[in-house]
Amino acid sequence: MTTNLLALLATSILCVALGVAAVAVAAKRRMPVKFKNLDEQRTVYNVACWAAKQLDIKAGDRRLLYSRLLRGVSSRFNWMGSIPVQELAILSPFIDLMIEGKGPPLNQPAEYEDRRPAILKQFKERMQTEELWPQLAKANRHFIVAP
């Protein structure tokens, strides 16, 4: 009985691993916005959460689906995810605001340096170099209400 249970468990784990691998391969093909390190990914995730709140994006809304899943990817599997260019277009005005220091306050004591603007500035520069940064980011800023 335990041998059958172990075989079933091993088969289940293998199926899940193959499913995750298939999703990861498919995601790489259609999500060209990649992160350089986990700090960059976590910072963009935090921007996505702030943007979702500002834009009143509810659970089930697909506009920032992959951006809001980044934390689960990095915390559970310790690997870097990626997002579609369309989500970067939604996030870009919020990233610009964070770079300018107009984002939500840092959730840490005052003695800690807020590295988010510097991290996002490097991310934006890299996205511009890779020609992934949306050209209309500044034009879209007038629709956003900063805190």
Protein backbone atom coordinates (compact mmCIF):
# COMPACT_ATOMS: atom_id res chain seq x y z
CA MET A 1 0.00 0.00 0.00
CA THR A 2 2.74 2.49 0.90
CA THR A 3 4.63 1.61 -2.29
CA ASN A 4 1.58 2.54 -4.35
CA LEU A 5 1.16 5.73 -2.36
CA LEU A 6 4.81 6.66 -2.90
CA ALA A 7 4.54 5.92 -6.62
CA LEU A 8 1.41 8.09 -6.85
CA LEU A 9 3.14 10.89 -4.95
CA ALA A 10 6.22 10.69 -7.19
CA THR A 11 4.03 10.73 -10.30
CA SER A 12 2.12 13.74 -8.98
CA ILE A 13 5.32 15.63 -8.22
CA LEU A 14 6.67 14.83 -11.67
CA CYS A 15 3.46 16.06 -13.33
CA VAL A 16 3.55 19.30 -11.35
CA ALA A 17 7.22 19.84 -12.21
CA LEU A 18 6.56 19.25 -15.91
CA GLY A 19 3.59 21.63 -15.78
CA VAL A 20 5.66 24.36 -14.12
CA ALA A 21 8.43 23.86 -16.69
CA ALA A 22 5.94 24.08 -19.57
CA VAL A 23 4.44 27.27 -18.17
CA ALA A 24 7.91 28.75 -17.67
CA VAL A 25 8.94 27.98 -21.26
CA ALA A 26 5.70 29.40 -22.65
CA ALA A 27 6.01 32.48 -20.46
CA LYS A 28 9.55 33.23 -21.68
CA ARG A 29 8.34 33.37 -25.24
CA ARG A 30 5.66 35.98 -24.67
CA MET A 31 7.07 37.90 -21.70
CA PRO A 32 10.26 39.66 -22.77
CA VAL A 33 10.54 41.95 -19.72
CA LYS A 34 13.06 40.10 -17.58
CA PHE A 35 14.59 41.08 -14.27
CA LYS A 36 18.30 41.37 -13.55
CA ASN A 37 18.04 40.36 -9.88
CA LEU A 38 15.51 39.61 -7.15
CA ASP A 39 15.71 43.16 -5.72
CA GLU A 40 14.60 44.55 -9.07
CA GLN A 41 11.81 41.98 -9.33
CA ARG A 42 10.54 42.62 -5.78
CA THR A 43 10.60 46.38 -6.36
CA VAL A 44 8.57 46.07 -9.57
CA TYR A 45 6.18 43.74 -7.71
CA ASN A 46 5.68 46.45 -5.06
CA VAL A 47 5.03 49.02 -7.81
CA ALA A 48 2.47 46.63 -9.34
CA CYS A 49 0.65 46.32 -6.01
CA TRP A 50 0.60 50.11 -5.63
CA ALA A 51 -0.55 50.57 -9.23
CA ALA A 52 -3.31 47.98 -8.77
CA LYS A 53 -4.55 49.85 -5.72
CA GLN A 54 -4.40 53.23 -7.50
CA LEU A 55 -6.16 51.88 -10.60
CA ASP A 56 -8.72 49.91 -8.53
CA ILE A 57 -7.70 46.62 -10.13
CA LYS A 58 -9.55 43.83 -8.34
CA ALA A 59 -8.72 40.15 -8.00
CA GLY A 60 -9.40 38.35 -11.25
CA ASP A 61 -8.56 41.40 -13.39
CA ARG A 62 -5.88 40.29 -15.84
CA ARG A 63 -4.26 43.70 -16.49
CA LEU A 64 -1.42 43.21 -13.99
CA LEU A 65 -1.74 39.45 -13.57
CA TYR A 66 1.91 38.47 -14.07
CA SER A 67 3.34 41.48 -12.23
CA ARG A 68 1.30 40.65 -9.15
CA LEU A 69 2.43 37.01 -9.26
CA LEU A 70 6.12 37.94 -9.10
CA ARG A 71 6.34 37.66 -5.33
CA GLY A 72 5.09 34.08 -5.34
CA VAL A 73 7.63 33.14 -7.99
CA SER A 74 10.58 34.65 -6.13
CA SER A 75 9.61 33.63 -2.60
CA ARG A 76 8.62 30.04 -3.34
CA PHE A 77 11.08 29.10 -6.05
CA ASN A 78 13.80 31.77 -5.69
CA TRP A 79 13.91 32.37 -9.43
CA MET A 80 13.26 35.44 -11.45
CA GLY A 81 10.08 35.82 -13.38
CA SER A 82 9.18 37.98 -16.32
CA ILE A 83 6.23 40.10 -17.40
CA PRO A 84 4.67 41.08 -20.72
CA VAL A 85 5.43 44.43 -22.32
CA GLN A 86 1.74 45.34 -21.95
CA GLU A 87 2.06 45.22 -18.17
CA LEU A 88 5.21 47.32 -18.30
CA ALA A 89 3.19 49.91 -20.22
CA ILE A 90 0.68 50.04 -17.35
CA LEU A 91 3.42 50.17 -14.72
CA SER A 92 5.69 52.71 -16.43
CA PRO A 93 3.98 55.88 -15.15
CA PHE A 94 4.04 54.46 -11.62
CA ILE A 95 7.70 53.53 -11.98
CA ASP A 96 8.41 57.12 -13.09
CA LEU A 97 6.61 58.45 -10.02
CA MET A 98 8.59 56.13 -7.74
CA ILE A 99 11.86 57.25 -9.36
CA GLU A 100 10.86 60.86 -8.61
CA GLY A 101 10.15 59.91 -4.97
CA LYS A 102 6.38 60.35 -5.30
CA GLY A 103 5.42 56.75 -4.52
CA PRO A 104 4.08 55.27 -1.31
CA PRO A 105 6.31 55.61 1.75
CA LEU A 106 8.85 52.91 2.53
CA ASN A 107 7.50 50.41 5.06
CA GLN A 108 10.67 50.48 7.16
CA PRO A 109 12.13 52.65 9.90
CA ALA A 110 13.46 56.04 8.82
CA GLU A 111 17.12 55.02 9.27
CA TYR A 112 16.86 52.64 6.30
CA GLU A 113 17.74 54.07 2.90
CA ASP A 114 14.97 53.88 0.30
CA ARG A 115 16.71 52.07 -2.56
CA ARG A 116 13.55 51.73 -4.66
CA PRO A 117 14.10 54.86 -6.81
CA ALA A 118 17.68 53.81 -7.70
CA ILE A 119 16.64 50.22 -8.45
CA LEU A 120 13.77 51.38 -10.65
CA LYS A 121 15.93 53.97 -12.43
CA GLN A 122 18.41 51.25 -13.43
CA PHE A 123 15.53 48.98 -14.48
CA LYS A 124 14.01 51.75 -16.62
CA GLU A 125 17.36 52.54 -18.27
CA ARG A 126 17.85 48.88 -19.12
CA MET A 127 14.32 48.60 -20.52
CA GLN A 128 14.97 51.69 -22.66
CA THR A 129 18.23 50.17 -23.93
CA GLU A 130 16.38 46.95 -24.78
CA GLU A 131 13.66 49.06 -26.46
CA LEU A 132 10.94 47.68 -24.19
CA TRP A 133 10.08 50.91 -22.36
CA PRO A 134 6.80 52.38 -23.66
CA GLN A 135 7.10 55.66 -25.51
CA LEU A 136 3.84 57.03 -24.14
CA ALA A 137 4.75 56.68 -20.46
CA LYS A 138 4.97 60.44 -19.86
CA ALA A 139 1.74 61.09 -21.75
CA ASN A 140 -0.12 58.62 -19.49
CA ARG A 141 1.03 60.24 -16.25
CA HIS A 142 -1.80 62.77 -16.11
CA PHE A 143 -4.24 59.92 -15.47
CA ILE A 144 -2.51 58.88 -12.25
CA VAL A 145 -3.15 60.40 -8.87
CA ALA A 146 -0.07 60.30 -6.68
CA PRO A 147 -0.58 59.74 -2.94
